[in-house]
N, C-alpha and C. Protein backbone atom coordinates (compact mmCIF):
# COMPACT_ATOMS: atom_id res chain seq x y z
N MET A 1 15.01 17.18 0.39
CA MET A 1 15.54 16.35 1.45
C MET A 1 14.40 15.85 2.35
N GLU A 2 13.43 16.72 2.62
CA GLU A 2 12.33 16.34 3.52
C GLU A 2 11.51 15.18 2.96
N LYS A 3 11.31 15.14 1.64
CA LYS A 3 10.55 14.04 1.03
C LYS A 3 11.25 12.70 1.25
N LEU A 4 12.57 12.70 1.17
CA LEU A 4 13.33 11.47 1.40
C LEU A 4 13.20 11.02 2.85
N VAL A 5 13.23 11.94 3.78
CA VAL A 5 13.07 11.61 5.19
C VAL A 5 11.68 11.03 5.44
N GLN A 6 10.64 11.64 4.87
CA GLN A 6 9.28 11.13 5.02
C GLN A 6 9.16 9.73 4.44
N LEU A 7 9.75 9.49 3.29
CA LEU A 7 9.71 8.17 2.68
C LEU A 7 10.43 7.15 3.56
N ALA A 8 11.57 7.53 4.10
CA ALA A 8 12.31 6.62 4.99
C ALA A 8 11.48 6.24 6.21
N LYS A 9 10.74 7.20 6.77
CA LYS A 9 9.87 6.91 7.91
C LYS A 9 8.77 5.93 7.53
N ILE A 10 8.17 6.13 6.37
CA ILE A 10 7.12 5.22 5.90
C ILE A 10 7.69 3.81 5.71
N LEU A 11 8.87 3.72 5.11
CA LEU A 11 9.46 2.42 4.81
C LEU A 11 10.08 1.75 6.03
N SER A 12 10.06 2.42 7.17
CA SER A 12 10.65 1.83 8.38
C SER A 12 9.73 0.82 9.06
N ASP A 13 8.52 0.65 8.55
CA ASP A 13 7.56 -0.30 9.13
C ASP A 13 7.28 -1.40 8.10
N SER A 14 7.47 -2.65 8.50
CA SER A 14 7.31 -3.77 7.55
C SER A 14 5.88 -3.90 7.03
N ASN A 15 4.88 -3.59 7.85
CA ASN A 15 3.50 -3.65 7.36
C ASN A 15 3.23 -2.61 6.28
N ARG A 16 3.78 -1.41 6.45
CA ARG A 16 3.61 -0.38 5.43
C ARG A 16 4.32 -0.78 4.14
N VAL A 17 5.50 -1.39 4.26
CA VAL A 17 6.21 -1.85 3.06
C VAL A 17 5.39 -2.92 2.34
N LYS A 18 4.78 -3.83 3.09
CA LYS A 18 3.94 -4.86 2.47
C LYS A 18 2.72 -4.25 1.78
N ILE A 19 2.11 -3.27 2.40
CA ILE A 19 0.96 -2.59 1.80
C ILE A 19 1.38 -1.91 0.50
N ILE A 20 2.49 -1.20 0.54
CA ILE A 20 3.00 -0.53 -0.66
C ILE A 20 3.31 -1.55 -1.75
N ALA A 21 3.93 -2.65 -1.37
CA ALA A 21 4.29 -3.68 -2.35
C ALA A 21 3.04 -4.29 -2.99
N LEU A 22 2.00 -4.53 -2.18
CA LEU A 22 0.74 -5.04 -2.73
C LEU A 22 0.13 -4.05 -3.71
N LEU A 23 0.13 -2.79 -3.35
CA LEU A 23 -0.42 -1.76 -4.24
C LEU A 23 0.40 -1.67 -5.53
N TYR A 24 1.68 -1.84 -5.43
CA TYR A 24 2.55 -1.83 -6.60
C TYR A 24 2.21 -3.00 -7.52
N ARG A 25 2.03 -4.18 -6.93
CA ARG A 25 1.75 -5.37 -7.72
C ARG A 25 0.35 -5.36 -8.32
N GLU A 26 -0.65 -4.96 -7.51
CA GLU A 26 -2.05 -5.06 -7.92
C GLU A 26 -2.59 -3.78 -8.54
N LYS A 27 -1.89 -2.69 -8.41
CA LYS A 27 -2.26 -1.37 -8.94
C LYS A 27 -3.33 -0.66 -8.11
N GLU A 28 -4.45 -1.33 -7.80
CA GLU A 28 -5.54 -0.72 -7.01
C GLU A 28 -6.11 -1.76 -6.05
N LEU A 29 -6.35 -1.33 -4.80
CA LEU A 29 -6.94 -2.21 -3.80
C LEU A 29 -7.81 -1.40 -2.84
N CYS A 30 -8.81 -2.06 -2.28
CA CYS A 30 -9.58 -1.44 -1.20
C CYS A 30 -9.01 -1.93 0.13
N VAL A 31 -9.39 -1.29 1.21
CA VAL A 31 -8.86 -1.62 2.53
C VAL A 31 -9.11 -3.08 2.88
N CYS A 32 -10.30 -3.58 2.61
CA CYS A 32 -10.63 -4.95 3.01
C CYS A 32 -9.73 -5.96 2.29
N GLU A 33 -9.37 -5.70 1.05
CA GLU A 33 -8.48 -6.61 0.32
C GLU A 33 -7.09 -6.63 0.96
N ILE A 34 -6.62 -5.47 1.38
CA ILE A 34 -5.32 -5.39 2.04
C ILE A 34 -5.38 -6.11 3.39
N CYS A 35 -6.42 -5.84 4.16
CA CYS A 35 -6.58 -6.47 5.48
C CYS A 35 -6.62 -7.99 5.38
N ASP A 36 -7.48 -8.49 4.50
CA ASP A 36 -7.65 -9.93 4.37
C ASP A 36 -6.39 -10.61 3.83
N THR A 37 -5.74 -9.99 2.87
CA THR A 37 -4.56 -10.59 2.25
C THR A 37 -3.39 -10.64 3.21
N LEU A 38 -3.15 -9.55 3.93
CA LEU A 38 -2.01 -9.48 4.85
C LEU A 38 -2.35 -9.93 6.27
N GLU A 39 -3.63 -10.25 6.49
CA GLU A 39 -4.11 -10.67 7.81
C GLU A 39 -3.78 -9.62 8.88
N LEU A 40 -4.16 -8.37 8.56
CA LEU A 40 -3.98 -7.24 9.46
C LEU A 40 -5.34 -6.66 9.78
N SER A 41 -5.46 -6.02 10.93
CA SER A 41 -6.74 -5.43 11.32
C SER A 41 -7.05 -4.20 10.47
N GLN A 42 -8.34 -3.93 10.31
CA GLN A 42 -8.77 -2.77 9.52
C GLN A 42 -8.28 -1.45 10.12
N PRO A 43 -8.36 -1.26 11.46
CA PRO A 43 -7.85 0.00 12.01
C PRO A 43 -6.35 0.21 11.75
N LEU A 44 -5.58 -0.87 11.82
CA LEU A 44 -4.14 -0.76 11.58
C LEU A 44 -3.87 -0.38 10.13
N VAL A 45 -4.51 -1.06 9.20
CA VAL A 45 -4.31 -0.77 7.78
C VAL A 45 -4.76 0.66 7.46
N SER A 46 -5.90 1.06 8.00
CA SER A 46 -6.39 2.42 7.75
C SER A 46 -5.43 3.48 8.28
N ARG A 47 -4.85 3.22 9.44
CA ARG A 47 -3.88 4.17 10.01
C ARG A 47 -2.64 4.27 9.12
N HIS A 48 -2.14 3.12 8.65
CA HIS A 48 -0.98 3.13 7.75
C HIS A 48 -1.31 3.87 6.45
N LEU A 49 -2.47 3.60 5.89
CA LEU A 49 -2.87 4.26 4.64
C LEU A 49 -3.01 5.76 4.84
N LYS A 50 -3.51 6.17 5.99
CA LYS A 50 -3.64 7.61 6.28
C LYS A 50 -2.26 8.27 6.28
N GLN A 51 -1.28 7.62 6.91
CA GLN A 51 0.08 8.17 6.92
C GLN A 51 0.63 8.27 5.50
N MET A 52 0.38 7.26 4.71
CA MET A 52 0.89 7.26 3.34
C MET A 52 0.16 8.28 2.47
N ARG A 53 -1.12 8.49 2.74
CA ARG A 53 -1.89 9.50 2.01
C ARG A 53 -1.36 10.90 2.33
N GLU A 54 -1.05 11.12 3.60
CA GLU A 54 -0.55 12.43 4.03
C GLU A 54 0.79 12.78 3.38
N THR A 55 1.58 11.78 3.07
CA THR A 55 2.87 12.02 2.41
C THR A 55 2.76 11.86 0.90
N LYS A 56 1.53 11.67 0.43
CA LYS A 56 1.23 11.55 -1.01
C LYS A 56 1.86 10.33 -1.67
N LEU A 57 2.15 9.29 -0.87
CA LEU A 57 2.64 8.03 -1.44
C LEU A 57 1.50 7.22 -2.03
N VAL A 58 0.29 7.40 -1.47
CA VAL A 58 -0.87 6.73 -2.04
C VAL A 58 -1.93 7.77 -2.36
N GLN A 59 -2.78 7.43 -3.30
CA GLN A 59 -3.90 8.29 -3.67
C GLN A 59 -5.16 7.45 -3.61
N THR A 60 -6.30 8.12 -3.56
CA THR A 60 -7.57 7.42 -3.42
C THR A 60 -8.54 7.87 -4.49
N LYS A 61 -9.53 6.98 -4.72
CA LYS A 61 -10.67 7.34 -5.55
C LYS A 61 -11.87 6.57 -4.99
N GLN A 62 -13.02 7.16 -5.16
CA GLN A 62 -14.27 6.56 -4.69
C GLN A 62 -14.82 5.65 -5.79
N SER A 63 -15.24 4.44 -5.41
CA SER A 63 -15.87 3.51 -6.34
C SER A 63 -17.08 2.92 -5.63
N GLY A 64 -18.23 3.56 -5.82
CA GLY A 64 -19.43 3.15 -5.07
C GLY A 64 -19.21 3.43 -3.60
N LYS A 65 -19.38 2.40 -2.77
CA LYS A 65 -19.17 2.58 -1.33
C LYS A 65 -17.72 2.34 -0.91
N TRP A 66 -16.87 1.96 -1.86
CA TRP A 66 -15.48 1.62 -1.56
C TRP A 66 -14.55 2.79 -1.86
N ILE A 67 -13.49 2.90 -1.06
CA ILE A 67 -12.39 3.80 -1.37
C ILE A 67 -11.27 2.93 -1.90
N ILE A 68 -10.81 3.23 -3.09
CA ILE A 68 -9.79 2.45 -3.76
C ILE A 68 -8.45 3.18 -3.64
N TYR A 69 -7.43 2.44 -3.22
CA TYR A 69 -6.10 3.00 -3.03
C TYR A 69 -5.17 2.58 -4.15
N SER A 70 -4.28 3.48 -4.53
CA SER A 70 -3.23 3.18 -5.51
C SER A 70 -2.01 4.00 -5.14
N LEU A 71 -0.87 3.65 -5.70
CA LEU A 71 0.35 4.39 -5.42
C LEU A 71 0.36 5.70 -6.17
N GLY A 72 0.90 6.72 -5.52
CA GLY A 72 1.10 8.00 -6.17
C GLY A 72 2.37 7.96 -7.00
N LYS A 73 2.68 9.06 -7.61
CA LYS A 73 3.89 9.16 -8.43
C LYS A 73 5.06 9.60 -7.54
N ASN A 74 5.98 8.67 -7.30
CA ASN A 74 7.13 8.97 -6.47
C ASN A 74 8.31 8.17 -7.03
N LYS A 75 9.22 8.84 -7.70
CA LYS A 75 10.34 8.16 -8.37
C LYS A 75 11.21 7.38 -7.39
N ILE A 76 11.45 7.93 -6.23
CA ILE A 76 12.29 7.25 -5.24
C ILE A 76 11.62 5.96 -4.79
N LEU A 77 10.33 6.02 -4.53
CA LEU A 77 9.59 4.84 -4.10
C LEU A 77 9.65 3.75 -5.18
N TYR A 78 9.46 4.12 -6.43
CA TYR A 78 9.50 3.13 -7.51
C TYR A 78 10.89 2.52 -7.67
N CYS A 79 11.94 3.27 -7.42
CA CYS A 79 13.29 2.70 -7.44
C CYS A 79 13.44 1.65 -6.35
N PHE A 80 12.93 1.95 -5.17
CA PHE A 80 12.95 0.99 -4.06
C PHE A 80 12.17 -0.26 -4.43
N LEU A 81 10.98 -0.09 -4.97
CA LEU A 81 10.14 -1.24 -5.31
C LEU A 81 10.78 -2.10 -6.40
N ASP A 82 11.46 -1.47 -7.33
CA ASP A 82 12.14 -2.23 -8.37
C ASP A 82 13.21 -3.16 -7.79
N THR A 83 13.81 -2.77 -6.67
CA THR A 83 14.86 -3.59 -6.07
C THR A 83 14.32 -4.77 -5.27
N ILE A 84 13.03 -4.76 -4.95
CA ILE A 84 12.46 -5.87 -4.16
C ILE A 84 11.43 -6.66 -4.97
N GLN A 85 11.60 -6.72 -6.28
CA GLN A 85 10.66 -7.43 -7.16
C GLN A 85 10.40 -8.87 -6.72
N GLU A 86 11.43 -9.59 -6.33
CA GLU A 86 11.27 -10.99 -5.93
C GLU A 86 10.39 -11.10 -4.68
N ASP A 87 10.60 -10.23 -3.72
CA ASP A 87 9.79 -10.24 -2.50
C ASP A 87 8.34 -9.90 -2.81
N ILE A 88 8.12 -8.98 -3.74
CA ILE A 88 6.76 -8.59 -4.11
C ILE A 88 6.04 -9.77 -4.75
N ALA A 89 6.73 -10.52 -5.57
CA ALA A 89 6.13 -11.68 -6.22
C ALA A 89 5.72 -12.75 -5.21
N ASN A 90 6.40 -12.79 -4.06
CA ASN A 90 6.12 -13.81 -3.05
C ASN A 90 5.04 -13.40 -2.04
N LEU A 91 4.48 -12.21 -2.18
CA LEU A 91 3.40 -11.80 -1.29
C LEU A 91 2.18 -12.69 -1.54
N PRO A 92 1.29 -12.82 -0.53
CA PRO A 92 0.10 -13.67 -0.71
C PRO A 92 -0.79 -13.16 -1.84
N LYS A 93 -1.57 -14.06 -2.40
CA LYS A 93 -2.56 -13.71 -3.42
C LYS A 93 -3.63 -12.84 -2.79
N ILE A 94 -4.19 -11.94 -3.57
CA ILE A 94 -5.23 -11.02 -3.10
C ILE A 94 -6.51 -11.79 -2.78
N ILE A 95 -7.09 -11.46 -1.64
CA ILE A 95 -8.41 -11.99 -1.27
C ILE A 95 -9.40 -10.87 -1.57
N SER A 96 -10.23 -11.08 -2.53
CA SER A 96 -11.14 -10.05 -3.02
C SER A 96 -12.32 -9.84 -2.08
N CYS A 97 -12.72 -8.60 -1.92
CA CYS A 97 -13.90 -8.27 -1.13
C CYS A 97 -15.16 -8.81 -1.78
N ALA A 98 -15.14 -8.96 -3.08
CA ALA A 98 -16.31 -9.43 -3.82
C ALA A 98 -16.66 -10.87 -3.48
N THR A 99 -15.71 -11.62 -2.93
CA THR A 99 -15.96 -13.03 -2.60
C THR A 99 -16.58 -13.20 -1.22
N ARG A 100 -16.79 -12.13 -0.51
CA ARG A 100 -17.37 -12.21 0.84
C ARG A 100 -18.81 -12.60 0.80
């Protein structure tokens, strides 16, 4: 029951839902790609990702100087994401850090 409550809290913020949806669509992203694509500040995105990491909704890996984020394994989250496929497709295109 507690996992469902934690997930509901995470999904109660539209920016966190957008971040999760981007990660679902793109599979792996760094913070700068999320910030630039959603036009959100780096501190805000990092704070949201920290909350999601603490609840194990996202996982990280190091790639050179970058920390790469991806979704963790959460059946309930994937059921939710499956229901918003059309909205996920309409998210902005990724702005790559490599183009900076």
